[in-house]
Amino acid sequence: MTAAADATGDISIRRTNRPMDLRHLTQYLGLPTLILVSWYLLGRLDLLPVGIVPKLENVIRAWYVWIFGSANAKPLDAYNGTWAWTVIYSLERVSRGYLIGLCVGVPLGILTGWSSLAARVLDPTIQSLRPIPITAWIPFAIALFGIRDSNAIFLVSLSAFFPIFINSAYGARDIDKNLIRAARMMGADNWQLLRRVILPNALPAILTGMRLGIGYGWTVLVVAEMVSVKAGVGYVLWDAYYLAKMDIVVADMITIGLLGFLSDRLVILLQAYVLKWKSFHTEGA
């Protein structure tokens, strides 16, 4: 490798690993800050729809009481210091459902993408079930599990399963055949081929499916908790609306958005760690 190539490689690595500077931080926070400032100013000018969109300061105050509680709150107030338990209930359901969808979707997807026999057996049935909206499964889930956590967990796992399965099958199928031939010529058996060739090359697609799956999981969880579970962020959304507490409704919507965003960031961190070899390969190229 020449000195010029070495220098170019060093520059690319430094650019990849340098910390976020002020310009990048401004770009990330610019739009949210603009929205909050506009919301505050519209509230101060009384230009917000009365009874529909609460003022920013009212949402912050209600959210604070919901999180930390207040000595001046009414007895048995459902929104006095109960935020943490609400989030924990929802996190537990979405985590369990997502892990089930992941543990079923990845193996079946890789098997379907790798084996033509498995594709003929599994793919038609799964592709027939996939267009059915998850909301259409709610009556079936209620009849099967009742008004319990299992209901929401089933719906979340189902919503996460399909994108994970589709992307895993695509990743296992979209592999250079020359790599498989080379591995066979070197004496690799089916297990070695799967572990050393199929799975590493399918990982980018699998992780893409995981990102889609966690987003769908949060969406379906909120719907499930609104309809068939008596706790969690979805239940609070509907209950607060029924009680005309729009400040709690908006605070809960922001909470859901933040939880979904943080979940997505965790998958991205996993992606960066697992696919570290890919970034190194790109930099070397």
C-alpha atoms as a PDB file:
ATOM      1  CA  MET A   1       0.000   0.000   0.000  1.00  0.00           C
ATOM      2  CA  THR A   2       1.383   3.398  -0.945  1.00  0.00           C
ATOM      3  CA  ALA A   3       1.913   6.332   1.357  1.00  0.00           C
ATOM      4  CA  ALA A   4      -0.927   8.178  -0.348  1.00  0.00           C
ATOM      5  CA  ALA A   5      -3.254   5.246   0.217  1.00  0.00           C
ATOM      6  CA  ASP A   6      -2.163   5.056   3.857  1.00  0.00           C
ATOM      7  CA  ALA A   7      -2.888   8.730   4.323  1.00  0.00           C
ATOM      8  CA  THR A   8      -6.293   8.408   2.689  1.00  0.00           C
ATOM      9  CA  GLY A   9      -7.159   5.462   4.919  1.00  0.00           C
ATOM     10  CA  ASP A  10      -6.101   7.358   8.047  1.00  0.00           C
ATOM     11  CA  ILE A  11      -8.231  10.339   7.080  1.00  0.00           C
ATOM     12  CA  SER A  12     -11.315   8.171   6.497  1.00  0.00           C
ATOM     13  CA  ILE A  13     -10.885   6.459   9.860  1.00  0.00           C
ATOM     14  CA  ARG A  14     -10.442   9.761  11.664  1.00  0.00           C
ATOM     15  CA  ARG A  15     -13.589  11.112  10.017  1.00  0.00           C
ATOM     16  CA  THR A  16     -15.509   7.998  11.016  1.00  0.00           C
ATOM     17  CA  ASN A  17     -14.436   8.088  14.661  1.00  0.00           C
ATOM     18  CA  ARG A  18     -14.369  11.825  15.398  1.00  0.00           C
ATOM     19  CA  PRO A  19     -16.898  13.034  18.008  1.00  0.00           C
ATOM     20  CA  MET A  20     -20.008  14.973  17.088  1.00  0.00           C
ATOM     21  CA  ASP A  21     -19.151  18.664  16.624  1.00  0.00           C
ATOM     22  CA  LEU A  22     -21.342  21.677  17.318  1.00  0.00           C
ATOM     23  CA  ARG A  23     -22.496  21.928  13.711  1.00  0.00           C
ATOM     24  CA  HIS A  24     -23.821  18.369  13.727  1.00  0.00           C
ATOM     25  CA  LEU A  25     -25.507  18.872  17.094  1.00  0.00           C
ATOM     26  CA  THR A  26     -27.231  21.989  15.736  1.00  0.00           C
ATOM     27  CA  GLN A  27     -28.452  20.042  12.716  1.00  0.00           C
ATOM     28  CA  TYR A  28     -29.882  17.290  14.926  1.00  0.00           C
ATOM     29  CA  LEU A  29     -31.640  19.648  17.336  1.00  0.00           C
ATOM     30  CA  GLY A  30     -32.588  22.419  14.928  1.00  0.00           C
ATOM     31  CA  LEU A  31     -35.984  21.137  13.794  1.00  0.00           C
ATOM     32  CA  PRO A  32     -37.183  19.929  17.245  1.00  0.00           C
ATOM     33  CA  THR A  33     -36.181  23.290  18.740  1.00  0.00           C
ATOM     34  CA  LEU A  34     -38.050  25.150  15.994  1.00  0.00           C
ATOM     35  CA  ILE A  35     -41.179  23.074  16.645  1.00  0.00           C
ATOM     36  CA  LEU A  36     -41.046  23.704  20.409  1.00  0.00           C
ATOM     37  CA  VAL A  37     -40.461  27.444  20.005  1.00  0.00           C
ATOM     38  CA  SER A  38     -43.312  27.725  17.491  1.00  0.00           C
ATOM     39  CA  TRP A  39     -45.593  25.724  19.785  1.00  0.00           C
ATOM     40  CA  TYR A  40     -44.747  27.973  22.735  1.00  0.00           C
ATOM     41  CA  LEU A  41     -45.287  31.193  20.771  1.00  0.00           C
ATOM     42  CA  LEU A  42     -48.602  30.015  19.321  1.00  0.00           C
ATOM     43  CA  GLY A  43     -49.750  29.193  22.840  1.00  0.00           C
ATOM     44  CA  ARG A  44     -48.720  32.601  24.158  1.00  0.00           C
ATOM     45  CA  LEU A  45     -50.667  34.255  21.326  1.00  0.00           C
ATOM     46  CA  ASP A  46     -53.736  32.030  21.987  1.00  0.00           C
ATOM     47  CA  LEU A  47     -53.618  30.676  18.441  1.00  0.00           C
ATOM     48  CA  LEU A  48     -53.817  26.990  19.392  1.00  0.00           C
ATOM     49  CA  PRO A  49     -57.145  25.102  18.990  1.00  0.00           C
ATOM     50  CA  VAL A  50     -58.814  25.363  22.394  1.00  0.00           C
ATOM     51  CA  GLY A  51     -59.342  22.008  24.085  1.00  0.00           C
ATOM     52  CA  ILE A  52     -57.377  20.131  21.407  1.00  0.00           C
ATOM     53  CA  VAL A  53     -53.755  21.292  21.431  1.00  0.00           C
ATOM     54  CA  PRO A  54     -52.624  22.320  24.944  1.00  0.00           C
ATOM     55  CA  LYS A  55     -49.971  24.934  25.587  1.00  0.00           C
ATOM     56  CA  LEU A  56     -46.396  23.744  25.825  1.00  0.00           C
ATOM     57  CA  GLU A  57     -45.999  24.837  29.445  1.00  0.00           C
ATOM     58  CA  ASN A  58     -49.166  22.923  30.411  1.00  0.00           C
ATOM     59  CA  VAL A  59     -47.813  19.753  28.832  1.00  0.00           C
ATOM     60  CA  ILE A  60     -44.472  20.146  30.616  1.00  0.00           C
ATOM     61  CA  ARG A  61     -46.227  20.715  33.947  1.00  0.00           C
ATOM     62  CA  ALA A  62     -48.527  17.702  33.521  1.00  0.00           C
ATOM     63  CA  TRP A  63     -45.643  15.533  32.366  1.00  0.00           C
ATOM     64  CA  TYR A  64     -43.550  16.546  35.379  1.00  0.00           C
ATOM     65  CA  VAL A  65     -46.346  15.594  37.795  1.00  0.00           C
ATOM     66  CA  TRP A  66     -46.895  12.335  35.887  1.00  0.00           C
ATOM     67  CA  ILE A  67     -43.209  11.469  36.254  1.00  0.00           C
ATOM     68  CA  PHE A  68     -42.291  12.777  39.715  1.00  0.00           C
ATOM     69  CA  GLY A  69     -45.661  13.206  41.413  1.00  0.00           C
ATOM     70  CA  SER A  70     -47.049  16.131  43.378  1.00  0.00           C
ATOM     71  CA  ALA A  71     -48.199  16.509  46.967  1.00  0.00           C
ATOM     72  CA  ASN A  72     -51.055  18.712  45.747  1.00  0.00           C
ATOM     73  CA  ALA A  73     -52.483  16.082  43.417  1.00  0.00           C
ATOM     74  CA  LYS A  74     -55.875  14.543  44.052  1.00  0.00           C
ATOM     75  CA  PRO A  75     -55.993  11.224  45.942  1.00  0.00           C
ATOM     76  CA  LEU A  76     -55.725   8.176  43.687  1.00  0.00           C
ATOM     77  CA  ASP A  77     -54.782  10.373  40.726  1.00  0.00           C
ATOM     78  CA  ALA A  78     -53.769   7.946  37.949  1.00  0.00           C
ATOM     79  CA  TYR A  79     -51.319  10.509  36.535  1.00  0.00           C
ATOM     80  CA  ASN A  80     -49.469  11.379  39.721  1.00  0.00           C
ATOM     81  CA  GLY A  81     -46.013   9.783  39.724  1.00  0.00           C
ATOM     82  CA  THR A  82     -47.080   6.750  37.671  1.00  0.00           C
ATOM     83  CA  TRP A  83     -45.065   7.422  34.510  1.00  0.00           C
ATOM     84  CA  ALA A  84     -42.236   4.998  35.309  1.00  0.00           C
ATOM     85  CA  TRP A  85     -44.563   2.051  35.891  1.00  0.00           C
ATOM     86  CA  THR A  86     -46.493   2.890  32.728  1.00  0.00           C
ATOM     87  CA  VAL A  87     -43.286   2.831  30.679  1.00  0.00           C
ATOM     88  CA  ILE A  88     -42.056  -0.360  32.365  1.00  0.00           C
ATOM     89  CA  TYR A  89     -45.294  -2.197  31.529  1.00  0.00           C
ATOM     90  CA  SER A  90     -45.019  -1.219  27.870  1.00  0.00           C
ATOM     91  CA  LEU A  91     -41.282  -1.912  27.646  1.00  0.00           C
ATOM     92  CA  GLU A  92     -41.784  -5.403  29.022  1.00  0.00           C
ATOM     93  CA  ARG A  93     -44.531  -6.206  26.522  1.00  0.00           C
ATOM     94  CA  VAL A  94     -42.747  -4.819  23.486  1.00  0.00           C
ATOM     95  CA  SER A  95     -39.455  -6.489  24.484  1.00  0.00           C
ATOM     96  CA  ARG A  96     -41.010  -9.914  24.944  1.00  0.00           C
ATOM     97  CA  GLY A  97     -43.048  -9.680  21.759  1.00  0.00           C
ATOM     98  CA  TYR A  98     -40.122  -8.385  19.739  1.00  0.00           C
ATOM     99  CA  LEU A  99     -37.791 -11.145  20.952  1.00  0.00           C
ATOM    100  CA  ILE A 100     -40.350 -13.795  20.005  1.00  0.00           C
ATOM    101  CA  GLY A 101     -40.728 -12.284  16.529  1.00  0.00           C
ATOM    102  CA  LEU A 102     -36.939 -12.099  16.204  1.00  0.00           C
ATOM    103  CA  CYS A 103     -36.279 -15.654  17.373  1.00  0.00           C
ATOM    104  CA  VAL A 104     -38.888 -17.059  14.978  1.00  0.00           C
ATOM    105  CA  GLY A 105     -38.407 -14.686  12.038  1.00  0.00           C
ATOM    106  CA  VAL A 106     -34.627 -14.935  11.601  1.00  0.00           C
ATOM    107  CA  PRO A 107     -34.304 -18.758  11.470  1.00  0.00           C
ATOM    108  CA  LEU A 108     -37.365 -19.193   9.262  1.00  0.00           C
ATOM    109  CA  GLY A 109     -36.254 -16.359   6.996  1.00  0.00           C
ATOM    110  CA  ILE A 110     -32.740 -17.744   6.551  1.00  0.00           C
ATOM    111  CA  LEU A 111     -34.133 -21.234   5.962  1.00  0.00           C
ATOM    112  CA  THR A 112     -36.578 -19.905   3.373  1.00  0.00           C
ATOM    113  CA  GLY A 113     -33.908 -17.890   1.579  1.00  0.00           C
ATOM    114  CA  TRP A 114     -31.374 -20.708   1.609  1.00  0.00           C
ATOM    115  CA  SER A 115     -33.514 -23.741   0.824  1.00  0.00           C
ATOM    116  CA  SER A 116     -35.801 -23.917  -2.216  1.00  0.00           C
ATOM    117  CA  LEU A 117     -37.774 -26.686  -0.486  1.00  0.00           C
ATOM    118  CA  ALA A 118     -38.379 -24.486   2.583  1.00  0.00           C
ATOM    119  CA  ALA A 119     -39.338 -21.600   0.296  1.00  0.00           C
ATOM    120  CA  ARG A 120     -42.001 -23.738  -1.392  1.00  0.00           C
ATOM    121  CA  VAL A 121     -43.346 -24.981   1.953  1.00  0.00           C
ATOM    122  CA  LEU A 122     -43.227 -21.777   4.046  1.00  0.00           C
ATOM    123  CA  ASP A 123     -43.257 -18.754   1.790  1.00  0.00           C
ATOM    124  CA  PRO A 124     -46.759 -19.045   0.236  1.00  0.00           C
ATOM    125  CA  THR A 125     -48.455 -19.371   3.624  1.00  0.00           C
ATOM    126  CA  ILE A 126     -46.484 -16.545   5.249  1.00  0.00           C
ATOM    127  CA  GLN A 127     -47.008 -14.268   2.254  1.00  0.00           C
ATOM    128  CA  SER A 128     -50.747 -14.974   2.454  1.00  0.00           C
ATOM    129  CA  LEU A 129     -50.861 -13.972   6.124  1.00  0.00           C
ATOM    130  CA  ARG A 130     -48.658 -10.881   5.736  1.00  0.00           C
ATOM    131  CA  PRO A 131     -51.248  -8.609   3.999  1.00  0.00           C
ATOM    132  CA  ILE A 132     -53.724  -9.078   6.869  1.00  0.00           C
ATOM    133  CA  PRO A 133     -53.566  -5.858   8.956  1.00  0.00           C
ATOM    134  CA  ILE A 134     -52.378  -6.426  12.507  1.00  0.00           C
ATOM    135  CA  THR A 135     -55.498  -4.627  13.768  1.00  0.00           C
ATOM    136  CA  ALA A 136     -57.566  -7.389  12.158  1.00  0.00           C
ATOM    137  CA  TRP A 137     -55.879  -9.855  14.514  1.00  0.00           C
ATOM    138  CA  ILE A 138     -57.068  -7.997  17.633  1.00  0.00           C
ATOM    139  CA  PRO A 139     -60.476  -9.767  17.952  1.00  0.00           C
ATOM    140  CA  PHE A 140     -58.735 -13.121  17.479  1.00  0.00           C
ATOM    141  CA  ALA A 141     -56.090 -12.215  20.076  1.00  0.00           C
ATOM    142  CA  ILE A 142     -58.739 -11.136  22.592  1.00  0.00           C
ATOM    143  CA  ALA A 143     -60.700 -14.354  22.053  1.00  0.00           C
ATOM    144  CA  LEU A 144     -57.540 -16.438  22.401  1.00  0.00           C
ATOM    145  CA  PHE A 145     -55.738 -14.672  25.268  1.00  0.00           C
ATOM    146  CA  GLY A 146     -58.372 -12.455  26.867  1.00  0.00           C
ATOM    147  CA  ILE A 147     -57.616  -9.008  28.341  1.00  0.00           C
ATOM    148  CA  ARG A 148     -54.090  -9.895  29.425  1.00  0.00           C
ATOM    149  CA  ASP A 149     -50.456  -9.132  28.606  1.00  0.00           C
ATOM    150  CA  SER A 150     -50.283 -12.199  26.353  1.00  0.00           C
ATOM    151  CA  ASN A 151     -52.660 -10.444  23.999  1.00  0.00           C
ATOM    152  CA  ALA A 152     -50.343  -7.479  23.379  1.00  0.00           C
ATOM    153  CA  ILE A 153     -47.223  -9.677  23.307  1.00  0.00           C
ATOM    154  CA  PHE A 154     -48.769 -11.874  20.604  1.00  0.00           C
ATOM    155  CA  LEU A 155     -49.662  -8.863  18.448  1.00  0.00           C
ATOM    156  CA  VAL A 156     -46.215  -7.282  18.843  1.00  0.00           C
ATOM    157  CA  SER A 157     -44.459 -10.540  17.970  1.00  0.00           C
ATOM    158  CA  LEU A 158     -46.645 -10.925  14.888  1.00  0.00           C
ATOM    159  CA  SER A 159     -45.967  -7.377  13.704  1.00  0.00           C
ATOM    160  CA  ALA A 160     -42.203  -7.766  14.227  1.00  0.00           C
ATOM    161  CA  PHE A 161     -42.073 -11.203  12.626  1.00  0.00           C
ATOM    162  CA  PHE A 162     -43.018 -10.258   9.069  1.00  0.00           C
ATOM    163  CA  PRO A 163     -40.375  -7.582   8.304  1.00  0.00           C
ATOM    164  CA  ILE A 164     -37.698  -9.630  10.062  1.00  0.00           C
ATOM    165  CA  PHE A 165     -38.676 -12.760   8.119  1.00  0.00           C
ATOM    166  CA  ILE A 166     -38.798 -10.976   4.743  1.00  0.00           C
ATOM    167  CA  ASN A 167     -35.432  -9.273   5.191  1.00  0.00           C
ATOM    168  CA  SER A 168     -33.764 -12.412   6.553  1.00  0.00           C
ATOM    169  CA  ALA A 169     -34.985 -14.437   3.576  1.00  0.00           C
ATOM    170  CA  TYR A 170     -33.772 -11.758   1.181  1.00  0.00           C
ATOM    171  CA  GLY A 171     -30.372 -11.583   2.870  1.00  0.00           C
ATOM    172  CA  ALA A 172     -29.903 -15.357   2.727  1.00  0.00           C
ATOM    173  CA  ARG A 173     -31.022 -15.515  -0.902  1.00  0.00           C
ATOM    174  CA  ASP A 174     -29.047 -12.535  -2.210  1.00  0.00           C
ATOM    175  CA  ILE A 175     -25.571 -14.016  -1.820  1.00  0.00           C
ATOM    176  CA  ASP A 176     -22.910 -14.286  -4.487  1.00  0.00           C
ATOM    177  CA  LYS A 177     -23.029 -17.878  -5.719  1.00  0.00           C
ATOM    178  CA  ASN A 178     -19.265 -17.808  -6.232  1.00  0.00           C
ATOM    179  CA  LEU A 179     -18.808 -17.527  -2.479  1.00  0.00           C
ATOM    180  CA  ILE A 180     -20.892 -20.649  -1.956  1.00  0.00           C
ATOM    181  CA  ARG A 181     -18.985 -22.535  -4.669  1.00  0.00           C
ATOM    182  CA  ALA A 182     -15.660 -21.479  -3.163  1.00  0.00           C
ATOM    183  CA  ALA A 183     -16.747 -22.634   0.306  1.00  0.00           C
ATOM    184  CA  ARG A 184     -17.908 -25.980  -1.108  1.00  0.00           C
ATOM    185  CA  MET A 185     -14.605 -26.457  -2.939  1.00  0.00           C
ATOM    186  CA  MET A 186     -12.787 -25.873   0.365  1.00  0.00           C
ATOM    187  CA  GLY A 187     -14.782 -28.699   1.944  1.00  0.00           C
ATOM    188  CA  ALA A 188     -17.355 -26.687   3.933  1.00  0.00           C
ATOM    189  CA  ASP A 189     -20.373 -28.693   5.067  1.00  0.00           C
ATOM    190  CA  ASN A 190     -23.879 -27.240   5.394  1.00  0.00           C
ATOM    191  CA  TRP A 191     -23.377 -26.011   8.970  1.00  0.00           C
ATOM    192  CA  GLN A 192     -20.056 -24.344   8.158  1.00  0.00           C
ATOM    193  CA  LEU A 193     -21.566 -22.799   5.034  1.00  0.00           C
ATOM    194  CA  LEU A 194     -24.451 -21.398   7.052  1.00  0.00           C
ATOM    195  CA  ARG A 195     -22.258 -20.075   9.866  1.00  0.00           C
ATOM    196  CA  ARG A 196     -19.357 -18.677   7.843  1.00  0.00           C
ATOM    197  CA  VAL A 197     -20.959 -17.603   4.547  1.00  0.00           C
ATOM    198  CA  ILE A 198     -24.757 -17.326   4.653  1.00  0.00           C
ATOM    199  CA  LEU A 199     -25.239 -15.689   8.050  1.00  0.00           C
ATOM    200  CA  PRO A 200     -22.458 -13.042   7.807  1.00  0.00           C
ATOM    201  CA  ASN A 201     -23.641 -11.955   4.356  1.00  0.00           C
ATOM    202  CA  ALA A 202     -27.287 -11.888   5.444  1.00  0.00           C
ATOM    203  CA  LEU A 203     -26.630  -9.788   8.571  1.00  0.00           C
ATOM    204  CA  PRO A 204     -27.123  -6.342   6.948  1.00  0.00           C
ATOM    205  CA  ALA A 205     -30.560  -7.349   5.672  1.00  0.00           C
ATOM    206  CA  ILE A 206     -31.456  -9.020   8.986  1.00  0.00           C
ATOM    207  CA  LEU A 207     -30.576  -5.870  10.928  1.00  0.00           C
ATOM    208  CA  THR A 208     -32.661  -3.777   8.525  1.00  0.00           C
ATOM    209  CA  GLY A 209     -35.585  -6.071   9.270  1.00  0.00           C
ATOM    210  CA  MET A 210     -34.900  -5.677  12.981  1.00  0.00           C
ATOM    211  CA  ARG A 211     -35.157  -1.879  12.693  1.00  0.00           C
ATOM    212  CA  LEU A 212     -38.441  -2.153  10.832  1.00  0.00           C
ATOM    213  CA  GLY A 213     -39.693  -4.743  13.311  1.00  0.00           C
ATOM    214  CA  ILE A 214     -39.094  -2.618  16.403  1.00  0.00           C
ATOM    215  CA  GLY A 215     -40.916   0.320  14.821  1.00  0.00           C
ATOM    216  CA  TYR A 216     -43.918  -1.820  13.903  1.00  0.00           C
ATOM    217  CA  GLY A 217     -43.792  -3.368  17.361  1.00  0.00           C
ATOM    218  CA  TRP A 218     -44.265  -0.022  19.132  1.00  0.00           C
ATOM    219  CA  THR A 219     -47.068   0.967  16.765  1.00  0.00           C
ATOM    220  CA  VAL A 220     -48.991  -2.233  17.350  1.00  0.00           C
ATOM    221  CA  LEU A 221     -48.321  -2.189  21.088  1.00  0.00           C
ATOM    222  CA  VAL A 222     -50.023   1.205  21.422  1.00  0.00           C
ATOM    223  CA  VAL A 223     -53.068  -0.036  19.515  1.00  0.00           C
ATOM    224  CA  ALA A 224     -53.218  -3.258  21.552  1.00  0.00           C
ATOM    225  CA  GLU A 225     -52.982  -1.390  24.866  1.00  0.00           C
ATOM    226  CA  MET A 226     -55.678   1.061  23.791  1.00  0.00           C
ATOM    227  CA  VAL A 227     -58.100  -1.734  22.966  1.00  0.00           C
ATOM    228  CA  SER A 228     -57.353  -4.792  25.045  1.00  0.00           C
ATOM    229  CA  VAL A 229     -54.922  -4.067  27.922  1.00  0.00           C
ATOM    230  CA  LYS A 230     -55.511  -1.989  31.044  1.00  0.00           C
ATOM    231  CA  ALA A 231     -52.032  -0.479  31.520  1.00  0.00           C
ATOM    232  CA  GLY A 232     -49.181   0.981  29.495  1.00  0.00           C
ATOM    233  CA  VAL A 233     -48.635   3.979  27.248  1.00  0.00           C
ATOM    234  CA  GLY A 234     -51.404   2.968  24.844  1.00  0.00           C
ATOM    235  CA  TYR A 235     -53.949   2.604  27.623  1.00  0.00           C
ATOM    236  CA  VAL A 236     -52.956   5.992  29.072  1.00  0.00           C
ATOM    237  CA  LEU A 237     -53.410   7.575  25.656  1.00  0.00           C
ATOM    238  CA  TRP A 238     -57.015   6.441  25.412  1.00  0.00           C
ATOM    239  CA  ASP A 239     -57.860   6.926  29.094  1.00  0.00           C
ATOM    240  CA  ALA A 240     -56.488  10.483  29.151  1.00  0.00           C
ATOM    241  CA  TYR A 241     -58.419  11.346  26.002  1.00  0.00           C
ATOM    242  CA  TYR A 242     -61.604   9.945  27.551  1.00  0.00           C
ATOM    243  CA  LEU A 243     -61.037  12.182  30.607  1.00  0.00           C
ATOM    244  CA  ALA A 244     -60.255  15.194  28.357  1.00  0.00           C
ATOM    245  CA  LYS A 245     -56.687  15.456  29.727  1.00  0.00           C
ATOM    246  CA  MET A 246     -55.118  16.549  26.469  1.00  0.00           C
ATOM    247  CA  ASP A 247     -51.925  17.648  28.216  1.00  0.00           C
ATOM    248  CA  ILE A 248     -51.372  14.029  29.316  1.00  0.00           C
ATOM    249  CA  VAL A 249     -52.327  12.810  25.825  1.00  0.00           C
ATOM    250  CA  VAL A 250     -49.607  14.952  24.251  1.00  0.00           C
ATOM    251  CA  ALA A 251     -47.071  14.048  26.965  1.00  0.00           C
ATOM    252  CA  ASP A 252     -47.843  10.381  26.348  1.00  0.00           C
ATOM    253  CA  MET A 253     -47.433  10.811  22.577  1.00  0.00           C
ATOM    254  CA  ILE A 254     -44.010  12.364  23.135  1.00  0.00           C
ATOM    255  CA  THR A 255     -43.136   9.511  25.505  1.00  0.00           C
ATOM    256  CA  ILE A 256     -44.054   6.937  22.861  1.00  0.00           C
ATOM    257  CA  GLY A 257     -41.989   8.767  20.270  1.00  0.00           C
ATOM    258  CA  LEU A 258     -38.950   8.891  22.548  1.00  0.00           C
ATOM    259  CA  LEU A 259     -39.253   5.202  23.451  1.00  0.00           C
ATOM    260  CA  GLY A 260     -39.473   4.250  19.789  1.00  0.00           C
ATOM    261  CA  PHE A 261     -36.524   6.487  18.926  1.00  0.00           C
ATOM    262  CA  LEU A 262     -34.346   5.038  21.688  1.00  0.00           C
ATOM    263  CA  SER A 263     -35.264   1.487  20.667  1.00  0.00           C
ATOM    264  CA  ASP A 264     -34.255   2.258  17.101  1.00  0.00           C
ATOM    265  CA  ARG A 265     -30.956   3.751  18.314  1.00  0.00           C
ATOM    266  CA  LEU A 266     -30.211   0.529  20.212  1.00  0.00           C
ATOM    267  CA  VAL A 267     -30.661  -1.495  17.032  1.00  0.00           C
ATOM    268  CA  ILE A 268     -28.393   0.953  15.177  1.00  0.00           C
ATOM    269  CA  LEU A 269     -25.722   0.567  17.867  1.00  0.00           C
ATOM    270  CA  LEU A 270     -25.998  -3.209  17.524  1.00  0.00           C
ATOM    271  CA  GLN A 271     -25.725  -2.824  13.760  1.00  0.00           C
ATOM    272  CA  ALA A 272     -22.584  -0.697  14.079  1.00  0.00           C
ATOM    273  CA  TYR A 273     -21.001  -3.272  16.405  1.00  0.00           C
ATOM    274  CA  VAL A 274     -21.971  -6.388  14.475  1.00  0.00           C
ATOM    275  CA  LEU A 275     -21.122  -4.922  11.056  1.00  0.00           C
ATOM    276  CA  LYS A 276     -17.851  -3.341  12.145  1.00  0.00           C
ATOM    277  CA  TRP A 277     -16.057  -5.529   9.621  1.00  0.00           C
ATOM    278  CA  LYS A 278     -18.145  -4.042   6.822  1.00  0.00           C
ATOM    279  CA  SER A 279     -17.184  -0.453   7.658  1.00  0.00           C
ATOM    280  CA  PHE A 280     -13.515  -1.449   7.809  1.00  0.00           C
ATOM    281  CA  HIS A 281     -13.839  -3.142   4.430  1.00  0.00           C
ATOM    282  CA  THR A 282     -15.427  -0.014   2.943  1.00  0.00           C
ATOM    283  CA  GLU A 283     -12.712   2.221   4.354  1.00  0.00           C
ATOM    284  CA  GLY A 284      -9.978  -0.063   3.034  1.00  0.00           C
ATOM    285  CA  ALA A 285     -11.599  -0.007  -0.432  1.00  0.00           C
END
